[in-house]
Amino acid sequence: MNALIVATNKQISSALASAAKRAGAENIALAFDAVSAKRMASERAFGLTIVYADNFSGSGELARGFASRGGGVILIEAGLYSDDIARRLEDDGIIVLGKPLSHVALFQAIKMVHATNRRIARLVEEKRDLLKKLDDMRLINRAKLVLMQNMGFTEEQAHKHIEKRAMDMRRTRAEVAMDILKTYEV
């Protein structure tokens, strides 16, 4: 998982990068201001972004911008304000941690982001597969309709015809349906 650490202090950046690496992050990029962080985020995707809100305002909006690009975002804020900020950012999927920060809390948050990214990737793949199946079903249904109109088949006969041709030709039903549509539709 690529990671971006945004902090104005180089020691803090280094400590956060080290913690991210221990938690499984790879290819860690460091940004010391919001402008360079935004530029880096526009050039490549990050599975994890950690924003250490120290000496720059608008950290919530910066975190929200990173979250909109995908990947997980951890915002580390002053303990006084972290609960209020967390409430405002939770709908964006941003994890807000308060200062002082424990190593355990940071490690767990990074692991949570990593697990969430993997789950989202699986769901995206599943969605893609379901959309493909839906498109295939639509194609097959159109081919069945064409067979019913042009060959006088019932829906069941058209279905069996497509399945038999697919098995005989060792092709998918969607490929057979495409052939039928090319044959009968203009």
C-alpha atoms as a PDB file:
ATOM      1  CA  MET A   1       0.000   0.000   0.000  1.00  0.00           C
ATOM      2  CA  ASN A   2       1.396   3.402  -1.006  1.00  0.00           C
ATOM      3  CA  ALA A   3       1.344   5.922   1.830  1.00  0.00           C
ATOM      4  CA  LEU A   4       1.545   9.700   2.029  1.00  0.00           C
ATOM      5  CA  ILE A   5       2.561  11.411   5.263  1.00  0.00           C
ATOM      6  CA  VAL A   6       1.673  15.118   5.553  1.00  0.00           C
ATOM      7  CA  ALA A   7       3.360  16.921   8.447  1.00  0.00           C
ATOM      8  CA  THR A   8       5.289  20.166   8.713  1.00  0.00           C
ATOM      9  CA  ASN A   9       7.793  18.741  11.216  1.00  0.00           C
ATOM     10  CA  LYS A  10      10.438  16.419   9.730  1.00  0.00           C
ATOM     11  CA  GLN A  11      10.891  14.439  12.960  1.00  0.00           C
ATOM     12  CA  ILE A  12       7.161  13.795  13.203  1.00  0.00           C
ATOM     13  CA  SER A  13       7.047  12.870   9.507  1.00  0.00           C
ATOM     14  CA  SER A  14       9.850  10.405  10.032  1.00  0.00           C
ATOM     15  CA  ALA A  15       8.175   8.865  13.107  1.00  0.00           C
ATOM     16  CA  LEU A  16       4.849   8.539  11.273  1.00  0.00           C
ATOM     17  CA  ALA A  17       6.562   7.013   8.240  1.00  0.00           C
ATOM     18  CA  SER A  18       8.303   4.512  10.493  1.00  0.00           C
ATOM     19  CA  ALA A  19       5.003   3.566  12.142  1.00  0.00           C
ATOM     20  CA  ALA A  20       3.318   3.222   8.738  1.00  0.00           C
ATOM     21  CA  LYS A  21       6.131   0.989   7.525  1.00  0.00           C
ATOM     22  CA  ARG A  22       5.838  -1.236  10.628  1.00  0.00           C
ATOM     23  CA  ALA A  23       2.112  -1.553   9.918  1.00  0.00           C
ATOM     24  CA  GLY A  24       2.744  -2.740   6.358  1.00  0.00           C
ATOM     25  CA  ALA A  25       2.806   0.435   4.257  1.00  0.00           C
ATOM     26  CA  GLU A  26       5.256   0.611   1.376  1.00  0.00           C
ATOM     27  CA  ASN A  27       6.432   3.386  -0.922  1.00  0.00           C
ATOM     28  CA  ILE A  28       6.023   6.111   1.671  1.00  0.00           C
ATOM     29  CA  ALA A  29       6.081   9.701   0.415  1.00  0.00           C
ATOM     30  CA  LEU A  30       6.585  12.678   2.711  1.00  0.00           C
ATOM     31  CA  ALA A  31       5.025  16.110   2.202  1.00  0.00           C
ATOM     32  CA  PHE A  32       5.821  19.037   4.456  1.00  0.00           C
ATOM     33  CA  ASP A  33       3.002  21.341   3.345  1.00  0.00           C
ATOM     34  CA  ALA A  34      -0.491  21.097   1.910  1.00  0.00           C
ATOM     35  CA  VAL A  35       0.503  22.281  -1.588  1.00  0.00           C
ATOM     36  CA  SER A  36       3.132  19.598  -2.124  1.00  0.00           C
ATOM     37  CA  ALA A  37       0.807  16.980  -0.588  1.00  0.00           C
ATOM     38  CA  LYS A  38      -1.961  17.862  -3.056  1.00  0.00           C
ATOM     39  CA  ARG A  39       0.513  17.757  -5.945  1.00  0.00           C
ATOM     40  CA  MET A  40       1.780  14.317  -4.892  1.00  0.00           C
ATOM     41  CA  ALA A  41      -1.789  13.027  -4.520  1.00  0.00           C
ATOM     42  CA  SER A  42      -2.628  14.233  -8.023  1.00  0.00           C
ATOM     43  CA  GLU A  43       0.373  12.377  -9.467  1.00  0.00           C
ATOM     44  CA  ARG A  44      -0.299   8.951  -7.922  1.00  0.00           C
ATOM     45  CA  ALA A  45      -2.777   7.044  -5.808  1.00  0.00           C
ATOM     46  CA  PHE A  46      -2.210   6.480  -2.110  1.00  0.00           C
ATOM     47  CA  GLY A  47      -3.919   3.724  -0.145  1.00  0.00           C
ATOM     48  CA  LEU A  48      -3.130   5.572   3.084  1.00  0.00           C
ATOM     49  CA  THR A  49      -2.735   9.248   3.844  1.00  0.00           C
ATOM     50  CA  ILE A  50      -1.799  10.448   7.315  1.00  0.00           C
ATOM     51  CA  VAL A  51      -2.302  14.162   7.957  1.00  0.00           C
ATOM     52  CA  TYR A  52      -0.640  15.494  11.101  1.00  0.00           C
ATOM     53  CA  ALA A  53      -2.495  18.729  11.779  1.00  0.00           C
ATOM     54  CA  ASP A  54       0.231  20.852  13.259  1.00  0.00           C
ATOM     55  CA  ASN A  55       0.579  24.521  12.376  1.00  0.00           C
ATOM     56  CA  PHE A  56      -1.689  24.541   9.363  1.00  0.00           C
ATOM     57  CA  SER A  57      -5.350  25.391   9.226  1.00  0.00           C
ATOM     58  CA  GLY A  58      -7.844  23.612   7.045  1.00  0.00           C
ATOM     59  CA  SER A  59      -6.531  20.168   7.918  1.00  0.00           C
ATOM     60  CA  GLY A  60     -10.080  18.774   7.920  1.00  0.00           C
ATOM     61  CA  GLU A  61     -10.720  20.023   4.401  1.00  0.00           C
ATOM     62  CA  LEU A  62      -7.313  18.746   3.302  1.00  0.00           C
ATOM     63  CA  ALA A  63      -8.147  15.309   4.733  1.00  0.00           C
ATOM     64  CA  ARG A  64     -11.562  15.420   3.057  1.00  0.00           C
ATOM     65  CA  GLY A  65      -9.882  16.134  -0.283  1.00  0.00           C
ATOM     66  CA  PHE A  66      -7.611  13.110   0.112  1.00  0.00           C
ATOM     67  CA  ALA A  67     -10.554  10.918   1.123  1.00  0.00           C
ATOM     68  CA  SER A  68     -12.450  11.906  -2.030  1.00  0.00           C
ATOM     69  CA  ARG A  69      -9.613  10.453  -4.128  1.00  0.00           C
ATOM     70  CA  GLY A  70      -9.998   7.026  -2.520  1.00  0.00           C
ATOM     71  CA  GLY A  71      -7.802   5.275  -0.014  1.00  0.00           C
ATOM     72  CA  GLY A  72      -7.896   5.687   3.721  1.00  0.00           C
ATOM     73  CA  VAL A  73      -7.160   8.886   5.592  1.00  0.00           C
ATOM     74  CA  ILE A  74      -6.003   9.298   9.170  1.00  0.00           C
ATOM     75  CA  LEU A  75      -6.112  12.827  10.583  1.00  0.00           C
ATOM     76  CA  ILE A  76      -4.149  13.482  13.757  1.00  0.00           C
ATOM     77  CA  GLU A  77      -5.589  16.545  15.540  1.00  0.00           C
ATOM     78  CA  ALA A  78      -5.173  18.298  18.865  1.00  0.00           C
ATOM     79  CA  GLY A  79      -6.934  16.333  21.587  1.00  0.00           C
ATOM     80  CA  LEU A  80      -9.198  19.275  22.467  1.00  0.00           C
ATOM     81  CA  TYR A  81     -10.822  19.352  19.042  1.00  0.00           C
ATOM     82  CA  SER A  82     -10.521  15.747  17.857  1.00  0.00           C
ATOM     83  CA  ASP A  83     -14.033  14.627  18.912  1.00  0.00           C
ATOM     84  CA  ASP A  84     -15.722  17.561  17.192  1.00  0.00           C
ATOM     85  CA  ILE A  85     -13.633  17.115  14.052  1.00  0.00           C
ATOM     86  CA  ALA A  86     -14.250  13.349  14.062  1.00  0.00           C
ATOM     87  CA  ARG A  87     -18.010  13.934  14.076  1.00  0.00           C
ATOM     88  CA  ARG A  88     -17.738  16.251  11.077  1.00  0.00           C
ATOM     89  CA  LEU A  89     -15.472  13.917   9.085  1.00  0.00           C
ATOM     90  CA  GLU A  90     -16.785  10.463   9.940  1.00  0.00           C
ATOM     91  CA  ASP A  91     -19.197  10.415   6.977  1.00  0.00           C
ATOM     92  CA  ASP A  92     -16.173  10.840   4.709  1.00  0.00           C
ATOM     93  CA  GLY A  93     -14.576   7.733   6.217  1.00  0.00           C
ATOM     94  CA  ILE A  94     -11.749   9.683   7.818  1.00  0.00           C
ATOM     95  CA  ILE A  95     -10.254   8.305  11.026  1.00  0.00           C
ATOM     96  CA  VAL A  96      -9.476  11.117  13.477  1.00  0.00           C
ATOM     97  CA  LEU A  97      -6.966  10.477  16.244  1.00  0.00           C
ATOM     98  CA  GLY A  98      -6.326  12.924  19.056  1.00  0.00           C
ATOM     99  CA  LYS A  99      -3.009  14.077  20.438  1.00  0.00           C
ATOM    100  CA  PRO A 100      -1.144  12.863  22.379  1.00  0.00           C
ATOM    101  CA  LEU A 101      -1.020   9.837  20.150  1.00  0.00           C
ATOM    102  CA  SER A 102      -0.078   6.352  21.253  1.00  0.00           C
ATOM    103  CA  HIS A 103       1.856   3.995  18.989  1.00  0.00           C
ATOM    104  CA  VAL A 104      -0.800   1.329  19.523  1.00  0.00           C
ATOM    105  CA  ALA A 105      -3.664   3.601  18.418  1.00  0.00           C
ATOM    106  CA  LEU A 106      -1.780   4.688  15.301  1.00  0.00           C
ATOM    107  CA  PHE A 107      -0.810   1.095  14.460  1.00  0.00           C
ATOM    108  CA  GLN A 108      -4.409  -0.073  14.851  1.00  0.00           C
ATOM    109  CA  ALA A 109      -5.738   2.796  12.744  1.00  0.00           C
ATOM    110  CA  ILE A 110      -3.276   2.040   9.933  1.00  0.00           C
ATOM    111  CA  LYS A 111      -4.173  -1.663  10.051  1.00  0.00           C
ATOM    112  CA  MET A 112      -7.865  -0.717   9.946  1.00  0.00           C
ATOM    113  CA  VAL A 113      -7.287   1.427   6.849  1.00  0.00           C
ATOM    114  CA  HIS A 114      -5.347  -1.414   5.221  1.00  0.00           C
ATOM    115  CA  ALA A 115      -8.116  -3.954   5.964  1.00  0.00           C
ATOM    116  CA  THR A 116     -10.781  -1.542   4.725  1.00  0.00           C
ATOM    117  CA  ASN A 117      -8.873  -0.925   1.481  1.00  0.00           C
ATOM    118  CA  ARG A 118      -8.651  -4.680   0.838  1.00  0.00           C
ATOM    119  CA  ARG A 119     -12.356  -5.106   1.520  1.00  0.00           C
ATOM    120  CA  ILE A 120     -13.260  -2.220  -0.782  1.00  0.00           C
ATOM    121  CA  ALA A 121     -11.052  -3.682  -3.530  1.00  0.00           C
ATOM    122  CA  ARG A 122     -12.899  -7.013  -3.223  1.00  0.00           C
ATOM    123  CA  LEU A 123     -16.266  -5.243  -3.349  1.00  0.00           C
ATOM    124  CA  VAL A 124     -15.242  -3.261  -6.440  1.00  0.00           C
ATOM    125  CA  GLU A 125     -14.194  -6.500  -8.149  1.00  0.00           C
ATOM    126  CA  GLU A 126     -17.454  -8.164  -7.137  1.00  0.00           C
ATOM    127  CA  LYS A 127     -19.416  -5.196  -8.482  1.00  0.00           C
ATOM    128  CA  ARG A 128     -17.534  -5.403 -11.787  1.00  0.00           C
ATOM    129  CA  ASP A 129     -18.328  -9.132 -12.041  1.00  0.00           C
ATOM    130  CA  LEU A 130     -22.015  -8.543 -11.262  1.00  0.00           C
ATOM    131  CA  LEU A 131     -22.253  -5.763 -13.847  1.00  0.00           C
ATOM    132  CA  LYS A 132     -20.694  -8.070 -16.444  1.00  0.00           C
ATOM    133  CA  LYS A 133     -23.207 -10.795 -15.600  1.00  0.00           C
ATOM    134  CA  LEU A 134     -26.041  -8.278 -15.827  1.00  0.00           C
ATOM    135  CA  ASP A 135     -24.837  -7.105 -19.243  1.00  0.00           C
ATOM    136  CA  ASP A 136     -24.587 -10.730 -20.395  1.00  0.00           C
ATOM    137  CA  MET A 137     -28.121 -11.429 -19.164  1.00  0.00           C
ATOM    138  CA  ARG A 138     -29.447  -8.402 -21.044  1.00  0.00           C
ATOM    139  CA  LEU A 139     -27.664  -9.534 -24.191  1.00  0.00           C
ATOM    140  CA  ILE A 140     -29.014 -13.084 -23.867  1.00  0.00           C
ATOM    141  CA  ASN A 141     -32.540 -11.794 -23.260  1.00  0.00           C
ATOM    142  CA  ARG A 142     -32.329  -9.614 -26.370  1.00  0.00           C
ATOM    143  CA  ALA A 143     -31.139 -12.627 -28.381  1.00  0.00           C
ATOM    144  CA  LYS A 144     -34.009 -14.739 -27.006  1.00  0.00           C
ATOM    145  CA  LEU A 145     -36.464 -12.041 -28.052  1.00  0.00           C
ATOM    146  CA  VAL A 146     -34.980 -11.968 -31.562  1.00  0.00           C
ATOM    147  CA  LEU A 147     -35.273 -15.763 -31.803  1.00  0.00           C
ATOM    148  CA  MET A 148     -38.872 -15.594 -30.590  1.00  0.00           C
ATOM    149  CA  GLN A 149     -39.737 -12.929 -33.172  1.00  0.00           C
ATOM    150  CA  ASN A 150     -37.831 -14.399 -36.128  1.00  0.00           C
ATOM    151  CA  MET A 151     -37.913 -18.147 -35.525  1.00  0.00           C
ATOM    152  CA  GLY A 152     -41.228 -18.476 -33.696  1.00  0.00           C
ATOM    153  CA  PHE A 153     -39.549 -19.973 -30.600  1.00  0.00           C
ATOM    154  CA  THR A 154     -41.071 -19.826 -27.162  1.00  0.00           C
ATOM    155  CA  GLU A 155     -38.876 -18.225 -24.501  1.00  0.00           C
ATOM    156  CA  GLU A 156     -37.935 -21.662 -23.192  1.00  0.00           C
ATOM    157  CA  GLN A 157     -37.027 -22.906 -26.686  1.00  0.00           C
ATOM    158  CA  ALA A 158     -34.939 -19.796 -27.343  1.00  0.00           C
ATOM    159  CA  HIS A 159     -33.152 -20.281 -24.023  1.00  0.00           C
ATOM    160  CA  LYS A 160     -32.399 -23.944 -24.783  1.00  0.00           C
ATOM    161  CA  HIS A 161     -31.265 -23.033 -28.300  1.00  0.00           C
ATOM    162  CA  ILE A 162     -28.731 -20.518 -26.975  1.00  0.00           C
ATOM    163  CA  GLU A 163     -27.483 -22.924 -24.304  1.00  0.00           C
ATOM    164  CA  LYS A 164     -27.117 -25.803 -26.799  1.00  0.00           C
ATOM    165  CA  ARG A 165     -25.226 -23.656 -29.301  1.00  0.00           C
ATOM    166  CA  ALA A 166     -22.964 -22.387 -26.541  1.00  0.00           C
ATOM    167  CA  MET A 167     -22.159 -25.940 -25.422  1.00  0.00           C
ATOM    168  CA  ASP A 168     -21.723 -27.256 -28.984  1.00  0.00           C
ATOM    169  CA  MET A 169     -19.440 -24.394 -29.977  1.00  0.00           C
ATOM    170  CA  ARG A 170     -17.660 -24.218 -26.588  1.00  0.00           C
ATOM    171  CA  ARG A 171     -18.428 -20.555 -26.243  1.00  0.00           C
ATOM    172  CA  THR A 172     -20.225 -18.493 -23.657  1.00  0.00           C
ATOM    173  CA  ARG A 173     -23.941 -17.864 -23.909  1.00  0.00           C
ATOM    174  CA  ALA A 174     -23.169 -14.154 -24.278  1.00  0.00           C
ATOM    175  CA  GLU A 175     -20.956 -14.826 -27.315  1.00  0.00           C
ATOM    176  CA  VAL A 176     -23.696 -16.948 -28.911  1.00  0.00           C
ATOM    177  CA  ALA A 177     -26.219 -14.215 -28.137  1.00  0.00           C
ATOM    178  CA  MET A 178     -23.975 -11.662 -29.895  1.00  0.00           C
ATOM    179  CA  ASP A 179     -23.820 -13.901 -32.971  1.00  0.00           C
ATOM    180  CA  ILE A 180     -27.616 -14.206 -33.011  1.00  0.00           C
ATOM    181  CA  LEU A 181     -28.042 -10.449 -32.681  1.00  0.00           C
ATOM    182  CA  LYS A 182     -25.553  -9.824 -35.501  1.00  0.00           C
ATOM    183  CA  THR A 183     -27.414 -12.297 -37.697  1.00  0.00           C
ATOM    184  CA  TYR A 184     -30.934 -10.981 -37.164  1.00  0.00           C
ATOM    185  CA  GLU A 185     -30.563  -7.331 -36.167  1.00  0.00           C
ATOM    186  CA  VAL A 186     -29.615  -4.566 -38.530  1.00  0.00           C
END
